[in-house]
Amino acid sequence: MATLAHPVKVERHDVPGRQHHTNTGVRPVHTYHRTPHGLYVARTFAGHPRIRHWQAHLLPGLNLVACRYDFHGRREHDYYLDVATITEQDDVWEVRDLYLDLIVHDGLMAEIVDTDELVASRAEGFIGEGEALRAVQVAHDTLSGLARARYSLNDWLATRGVRLHWHEWSLLSR
């Protein structure tokens, strides 16, 4: 059985260069927009078997990246939240993904996933104890907040003073 442990994924958003640097390569970004709470990002997923388009809000104050995917087929979930440390310097944003994610089915449910990756990576020393504990705290605070808001991402974010805007790319691409 393959180990789940892996180094922390670090992504960069080069706003002036309109490039998203990931562990799998560099992708062009068609939209970057600074918001009162962070950075909005949108790009296509050329050649991806499940995903057509991706939008995200980098929210450094919440230690979250809120993602919305436009799938080729039926929608698998409404939002995907990455627990992360997000920094910005000279219009380059860095996202240090802290393994834990939340899958949100808006108004229905939410769940924390990839706990096994966090535990395995902590055991291998890829992430320190303090950072791992902060990831757990952020994930659980987010899940508790979503539960109090009846699993409405927008309603929970409103309690934190955050309002996000999303584009309906599936309608624009037809």
C-alpha atoms as a PDB file:
ATOM      1  CA  MET A   1       0.000   0.000   0.000  1.00  0.00           C
ATOM      2  CA  ALA A   2       1.401   3.387  -1.013  1.00  0.00           C
ATOM      3  CA  THR A   3       2.069   5.914   1.702  1.00  0.00           C
ATOM      4  CA  LEU A   4      -0.180   8.954   1.893  1.00  0.00           C
ATOM      5  CA  ALA A   5       2.646  11.105   3.201  1.00  0.00           C
ATOM      6  CA  HIS A   6       3.902  13.797   0.868  1.00  0.00           C
ATOM      7  CA  PRO A   7       5.504  17.210   1.217  1.00  0.00           C
ATOM      8  CA  VAL A   8       3.237  20.203   1.655  1.00  0.00           C
ATOM      9  CA  LYS A   9       2.009  21.458  -1.722  1.00  0.00           C
ATOM     10  CA  VAL A  10       2.986  25.050  -2.369  1.00  0.00           C
ATOM     11  CA  GLU A  11       1.339  26.994  -5.199  1.00  0.00           C
ATOM     12  CA  ARG A  12       2.123  30.480  -6.450  1.00  0.00           C
ATOM     13  CA  HIS A  13      -0.113  32.972  -8.181  1.00  0.00           C
ATOM     14  CA  ASP A  14       1.947  35.433 -10.222  1.00  0.00           C
ATOM     15  CA  VAL A  15      -0.652  38.144 -10.733  1.00  0.00           C
ATOM     16  CA  PRO A  16       1.360  40.391 -13.121  1.00  0.00           C
ATOM     17  CA  GLY A  17       2.419  37.330 -15.155  1.00  0.00           C
ATOM     18  CA  ARG A  18      -1.133  35.855 -15.014  1.00  0.00           C
ATOM     19  CA  GLN A  19       0.312  32.445 -14.096  1.00  0.00           C
ATOM     20  CA  HIS A  20      -0.691  29.752 -11.601  1.00  0.00           C
ATOM     21  CA  HIS A  21       2.363  27.698 -10.572  1.00  0.00           C
ATOM     22  CA  THR A  22       1.392  24.271  -9.190  1.00  0.00           C
ATOM     23  CA  ASN A  23       3.203  21.045  -8.414  1.00  0.00           C
ATOM     24  CA  THR A  24       2.170  19.818 -11.886  1.00  0.00           C
ATOM     25  CA  GLY A  25       3.220  22.837 -13.937  1.00  0.00           C
ATOM     26  CA  VAL A  26       2.431  26.433 -14.818  1.00  0.00           C
ATOM     27  CA  ARG A  27      -1.055  27.323 -16.084  1.00  0.00           C
ATOM     28  CA  PRO A  28      -2.320  30.561 -17.625  1.00  0.00           C
ATOM     29  CA  VAL A  29      -4.911  32.470 -15.587  1.00  0.00           C
ATOM     30  CA  HIS A  30      -7.533  34.552 -17.372  1.00  0.00           C
ATOM     31  CA  THR A  31      -8.778  36.445 -14.289  1.00  0.00           C
ATOM     32  CA  TYR A  32      -7.118  37.771 -11.179  1.00  0.00           C
ATOM     33  CA  HIS A  33      -8.987  40.302  -9.075  1.00  0.00           C
ATOM     34  CA  ARG A  34      -7.996  41.644  -5.668  1.00  0.00           C
ATOM     35  CA  THR A  35     -10.936  41.633  -3.235  1.00  0.00           C
ATOM     36  CA  PRO A  36     -11.372  43.139   0.240  1.00  0.00           C
ATOM     37  CA  HIS A  37     -10.635  39.688   1.705  1.00  0.00           C
ATOM     38  CA  GLY A  38      -7.940  38.362  -0.632  1.00  0.00           C
ATOM     39  CA  LEU A  39      -7.619  37.375  -4.268  1.00  0.00           C
ATOM     40  CA  TYR A  40     -10.112  35.974  -6.802  1.00  0.00           C
ATOM     41  CA  VAL A  41      -8.657  33.590  -9.413  1.00  0.00           C
ATOM     42  CA  ALA A  42     -10.269  31.951 -12.457  1.00  0.00           C
ATOM     43  CA  ARG A  43      -8.773  29.684 -15.094  1.00  0.00           C
ATOM     44  CA  THR A  44      -9.728  26.896 -17.464  1.00  0.00           C
ATOM     45  CA  PHE A  45      -8.655  23.290 -16.951  1.00  0.00           C
ATOM     46  CA  ALA A  46      -7.627  22.396 -20.501  1.00  0.00           C
ATOM     47  CA  GLY A  47      -7.660  18.663 -21.151  1.00  0.00           C
ATOM     48  CA  HIS A  48      -8.821  17.676 -17.658  1.00  0.00           C
ATOM     49  CA  PRO A  49     -11.113  14.613 -17.683  1.00  0.00           C
ATOM     50  CA  ARG A  50     -13.545  15.891 -15.001  1.00  0.00           C
ATOM     51  CA  ILE A  51     -13.092  19.658 -14.636  1.00  0.00           C
ATOM     52  CA  ARG A  52     -13.664  22.369 -17.231  1.00  0.00           C
ATOM     53  CA  HIS A  53     -13.080  25.510 -15.210  1.00  0.00           C
ATOM     54  CA  TRP A  54     -11.905  26.569 -11.739  1.00  0.00           C
ATOM     55  CA  GLN A  55     -12.608  29.642  -9.646  1.00  0.00           C
ATOM     56  CA  ALA A  56     -11.103  30.331  -6.250  1.00  0.00           C
ATOM     57  CA  HIS A  57     -11.011  32.972  -3.558  1.00  0.00           C
ATOM     58  CA  LEU A  58      -7.760  33.063  -1.604  1.00  0.00           C
ATOM     59  CA  LEU A  59      -8.833  34.141   1.901  1.00  0.00           C
ATOM     60  CA  PRO A  60      -5.700  34.672   4.035  1.00  0.00           C
ATOM     61  CA  GLY A  61      -7.655  35.945   7.050  1.00  0.00           C
ATOM     62  CA  LEU A  62      -9.574  32.645   7.234  1.00  0.00           C
ATOM     63  CA  ASN A  63      -6.667  30.387   6.172  1.00  0.00           C
ATOM     64  CA  LEU A  64      -8.884  29.035   3.393  1.00  0.00           C
ATOM     65  CA  VAL A  65      -8.997  28.798  -0.373  1.00  0.00           C
ATOM     66  CA  ALA A  66     -12.664  28.584  -1.391  1.00  0.00           C
ATOM     67  CA  CYS A  67     -12.934  26.782  -4.741  1.00  0.00           C
ATOM     68  CA  ARG A  68     -15.773  26.283  -7.163  1.00  0.00           C
ATOM     69  CA  TYR A  69     -15.385  23.888 -10.077  1.00  0.00           C
ATOM     70  CA  ASP A  70     -17.317  23.666 -13.338  1.00  0.00           C
ATOM     71  CA  PHE A  71     -17.436  19.952 -14.149  1.00  0.00           C
ATOM     72  CA  HIS A  72     -17.869  18.336 -17.573  1.00  0.00           C
ATOM     73  CA  GLY A  73     -20.639  16.162 -16.126  1.00  0.00           C
ATOM     74  CA  ARG A  74     -22.907  16.590 -13.150  1.00  0.00           C
ATOM     75  CA  ARG A  75     -21.765  18.768 -10.254  1.00  0.00           C
ATOM     76  CA  GLU A  76     -19.895  16.662  -7.689  1.00  0.00           C
ATOM     77  CA  HIS A  77     -20.069  19.303  -4.934  1.00  0.00           C
ATOM     78  CA  ASP A  78     -20.772  23.004  -4.626  1.00  0.00           C
ATOM     79  CA  TYR A  79     -17.556  24.183  -2.953  1.00  0.00           C
ATOM     80  CA  TYR A  80     -14.185  22.755  -2.054  1.00  0.00           C
ATOM     81  CA  LEU A  81     -12.306  24.501   0.749  1.00  0.00           C
ATOM     82  CA  ASP A  82      -8.554  24.043   1.121  1.00  0.00           C
ATOM     83  CA  VAL A  83      -7.063  24.764   4.547  1.00  0.00           C
ATOM     84  CA  ALA A  84      -3.944  26.780   3.781  1.00  0.00           C
ATOM     85  CA  THR A  85      -1.469  29.418   4.811  1.00  0.00           C
ATOM     86  CA  ILE A  86      -1.716  32.253   2.289  1.00  0.00           C
ATOM     87  CA  THR A  87       0.812  35.061   1.914  1.00  0.00           C
ATOM     88  CA  GLU A  88       1.320  37.831  -0.623  1.00  0.00           C
ATOM     89  CA  GLN A  89       4.446  39.727  -1.579  1.00  0.00           C
ATOM     90  CA  ASP A  90       4.922  41.989  -4.588  1.00  0.00           C
ATOM     91  CA  ASP A  91       1.734  40.724  -6.306  1.00  0.00           C
ATOM     92  CA  VAL A  92       2.799  37.092  -5.995  1.00  0.00           C
ATOM     93  CA  TRP A  93       0.504  35.068  -3.739  1.00  0.00           C
ATOM     94  CA  GLU A  94       1.734  31.853  -2.158  1.00  0.00           C
ATOM     95  CA  VAL A  95      -0.616  29.112  -0.973  1.00  0.00           C
ATOM     96  CA  ARG A  96       0.785  26.493   1.382  1.00  0.00           C
ATOM     97  CA  ASP A  97      -1.839  23.718   1.349  1.00  0.00           C
ATOM     98  CA  LEU A  98      -2.109  22.164   4.815  1.00  0.00           C
ATOM     99  CA  TYR A  99      -3.628  18.858   3.617  1.00  0.00           C
ATOM    100  CA  LEU A 100      -7.109  19.190   5.140  1.00  0.00           C
ATOM    101  CA  ASP A 101     -10.019  20.058   2.866  1.00  0.00           C
ATOM    102  CA  LEU A 102     -13.742  20.527   3.319  1.00  0.00           C
ATOM    103  CA  ILE A 103     -16.247  19.436   0.709  1.00  0.00           C
ATOM    104  CA  VAL A 104     -19.442  21.497   0.871  1.00  0.00           C
ATOM    105  CA  HIS A 105     -22.806  20.485  -0.548  1.00  0.00           C
ATOM    106  CA  ASP A 106     -24.438  23.873  -0.047  1.00  0.00           C
ATOM    107  CA  GLY A 107     -27.424  23.751   2.297  1.00  0.00           C
ATOM    108  CA  LEU A 108     -27.057  19.993   2.832  1.00  0.00           C
ATOM    109  CA  MET A 109     -23.777  18.925   4.424  1.00  0.00           C
ATOM    110  CA  ALA A 110     -20.037  19.383   4.649  1.00  0.00           C
ATOM    111  CA  GLU A 111     -17.218  17.026   5.516  1.00  0.00           C
ATOM    112  CA  ILE A 112     -13.527  17.216   6.341  1.00  0.00           C
ATOM    113  CA  VAL A 113     -11.363  15.072   4.056  1.00  0.00           C
ATOM    114  CA  ASP A 114      -7.696  14.098   3.760  1.00  0.00           C
ATOM    115  CA  THR A 115      -7.107  13.738   7.501  1.00  0.00           C
ATOM    116  CA  ASP A 116      -5.145  10.592   6.638  1.00  0.00           C
ATOM    117  CA  GLU A 117      -2.752  12.656   4.500  1.00  0.00           C
ATOM    118  CA  LEU A 118      -2.198  15.153   7.305  1.00  0.00           C
ATOM    119  CA  VAL A 119      -1.511  12.425   9.876  1.00  0.00           C
ATOM    120  CA  ALA A 120       0.855  10.511   7.566  1.00  0.00           C
ATOM    121  CA  SER A 121       2.710  13.664   6.523  1.00  0.00           C
ATOM    122  CA  ARG A 122       3.033  14.805  10.139  1.00  0.00           C
ATOM    123  CA  ALA A 123       4.473  11.383  11.079  1.00  0.00           C
ATOM    124  CA  GLU A 124       7.032  11.706   8.259  1.00  0.00           C
ATOM    125  CA  GLY A 125       7.990  15.236   9.337  1.00  0.00           C
ATOM    126  CA  PHE A 126       6.680  17.017   6.232  1.00  0.00           C
ATOM    127  CA  ILE A 127       4.656  19.347   8.463  1.00  0.00           C
ATOM    128  CA  GLY A 128       5.441  20.557  11.968  1.00  0.00           C
ATOM    129  CA  GLU A 129       3.231  20.021  14.988  1.00  0.00           C
ATOM    130  CA  GLY A 130       2.185  23.672  15.286  1.00  0.00           C
ATOM    131  CA  GLU A 131       1.169  23.942  11.647  1.00  0.00           C
ATOM    132  CA  ALA A 132      -0.679  20.601  11.781  1.00  0.00           C
ATOM    133  CA  LEU A 133      -2.610  21.678  14.883  1.00  0.00           C
ATOM    134  CA  ARG A 134      -3.507  24.994  13.229  1.00  0.00           C
ATOM    135  CA  ALA A 135      -4.822  23.086  10.188  1.00  0.00           C
ATOM    136  CA  VAL A 136      -7.014  20.914  12.424  1.00  0.00           C
ATOM    137  CA  GLN A 137      -8.302  23.983  14.301  1.00  0.00           C
ATOM    138  CA  VAL A 138      -9.149  25.851  11.075  1.00  0.00           C
ATOM    139  CA  ALA A 139     -10.904  22.805   9.582  1.00  0.00           C
ATOM    140  CA  HIS A 140     -12.982  22.152  12.683  1.00  0.00           C
ATOM    141  CA  ASP A 141     -13.853  25.843  13.231  1.00  0.00           C
ATOM    142  CA  THR A 142     -14.928  26.037   9.591  1.00  0.00           C
ATOM    143  CA  LEU A 143     -17.035  22.883   9.801  1.00  0.00           C
ATOM    144  CA  SER A 144     -18.677  24.066  13.027  1.00  0.00           C
ATOM    145  CA  GLY A 145     -19.421  27.459  11.477  1.00  0.00           C
ATOM    146  CA  LEU A 146     -20.886  25.816   8.382  1.00  0.00           C
ATOM    147  CA  ALA A 147     -23.087  23.595  10.579  1.00  0.00           C
ATOM    148  CA  ARG A 148     -24.410  26.649  12.479  1.00  0.00           C
ATOM    149  CA  ALA A 149     -25.163  28.280   9.103  1.00  0.00           C
ATOM    150  CA  ARG A 150     -27.029  25.144   7.944  1.00  0.00           C
ATOM    151  CA  TYR A 151     -24.166  24.345   5.570  1.00  0.00           C
ATOM    152  CA  SER A 152     -24.576  27.520   3.544  1.00  0.00           C
ATOM    153  CA  LEU A 153     -21.089  28.744   2.667  1.00  0.00           C
ATOM    154  CA  ASN A 154     -22.332  32.254   1.894  1.00  0.00           C
ATOM    155  CA  ASP A 155     -24.290  32.501   5.155  1.00  0.00           C
ATOM    156  CA  TRP A 156     -21.299  31.325   7.206  1.00  0.00           C
ATOM    157  CA  LEU A 157     -18.928  33.695   5.422  1.00  0.00           C
ATOM    158  CA  ALA A 158     -21.350  36.572   6.060  1.00  0.00           C
ATOM    159  CA  THR A 159     -20.944  35.961   9.812  1.00  0.00           C
ATOM    160  CA  ARG A 160     -17.214  36.526   9.229  1.00  0.00           C
ATOM    161  CA  GLY A 161     -17.803  39.702   7.209  1.00  0.00           C
ATOM    162  CA  VAL A 162     -16.876  38.044   3.903  1.00  0.00           C
ATOM    163  CA  ARG A 163     -18.903  38.160   0.702  1.00  0.00           C
ATOM    164  CA  LEU A 164     -17.754  36.193  -2.349  1.00  0.00           C
ATOM    165  CA  HIS A 165     -18.753  36.609  -5.971  1.00  0.00           C
ATOM    166  CA  TRP A 166     -18.775  33.715  -8.428  1.00  0.00           C
ATOM    167  CA  HIS A 167     -19.238  33.664 -12.201  1.00  0.00           C
ATOM    168  CA  GLU A 168     -21.467  31.136 -13.948  1.00  0.00           C
ATOM    169  CA  TRP A 169     -18.849  29.884 -16.409  1.00  0.00           C
ATOM    170  CA  SER A 170     -20.958  26.913 -17.435  1.00  0.00           C
ATOM    171  CA  LEU A 171     -23.520  29.360 -18.841  1.00  0.00           C
ATOM    172  CA  LEU A 172     -20.883  31.527 -20.541  1.00  0.00           C
ATOM    173  CA  SER A 173     -19.104  28.616 -22.231  1.00  0.00           C
ATOM    174  CA  ARG A 174     -22.144  27.245 -24.063  1.00  0.00           C
END
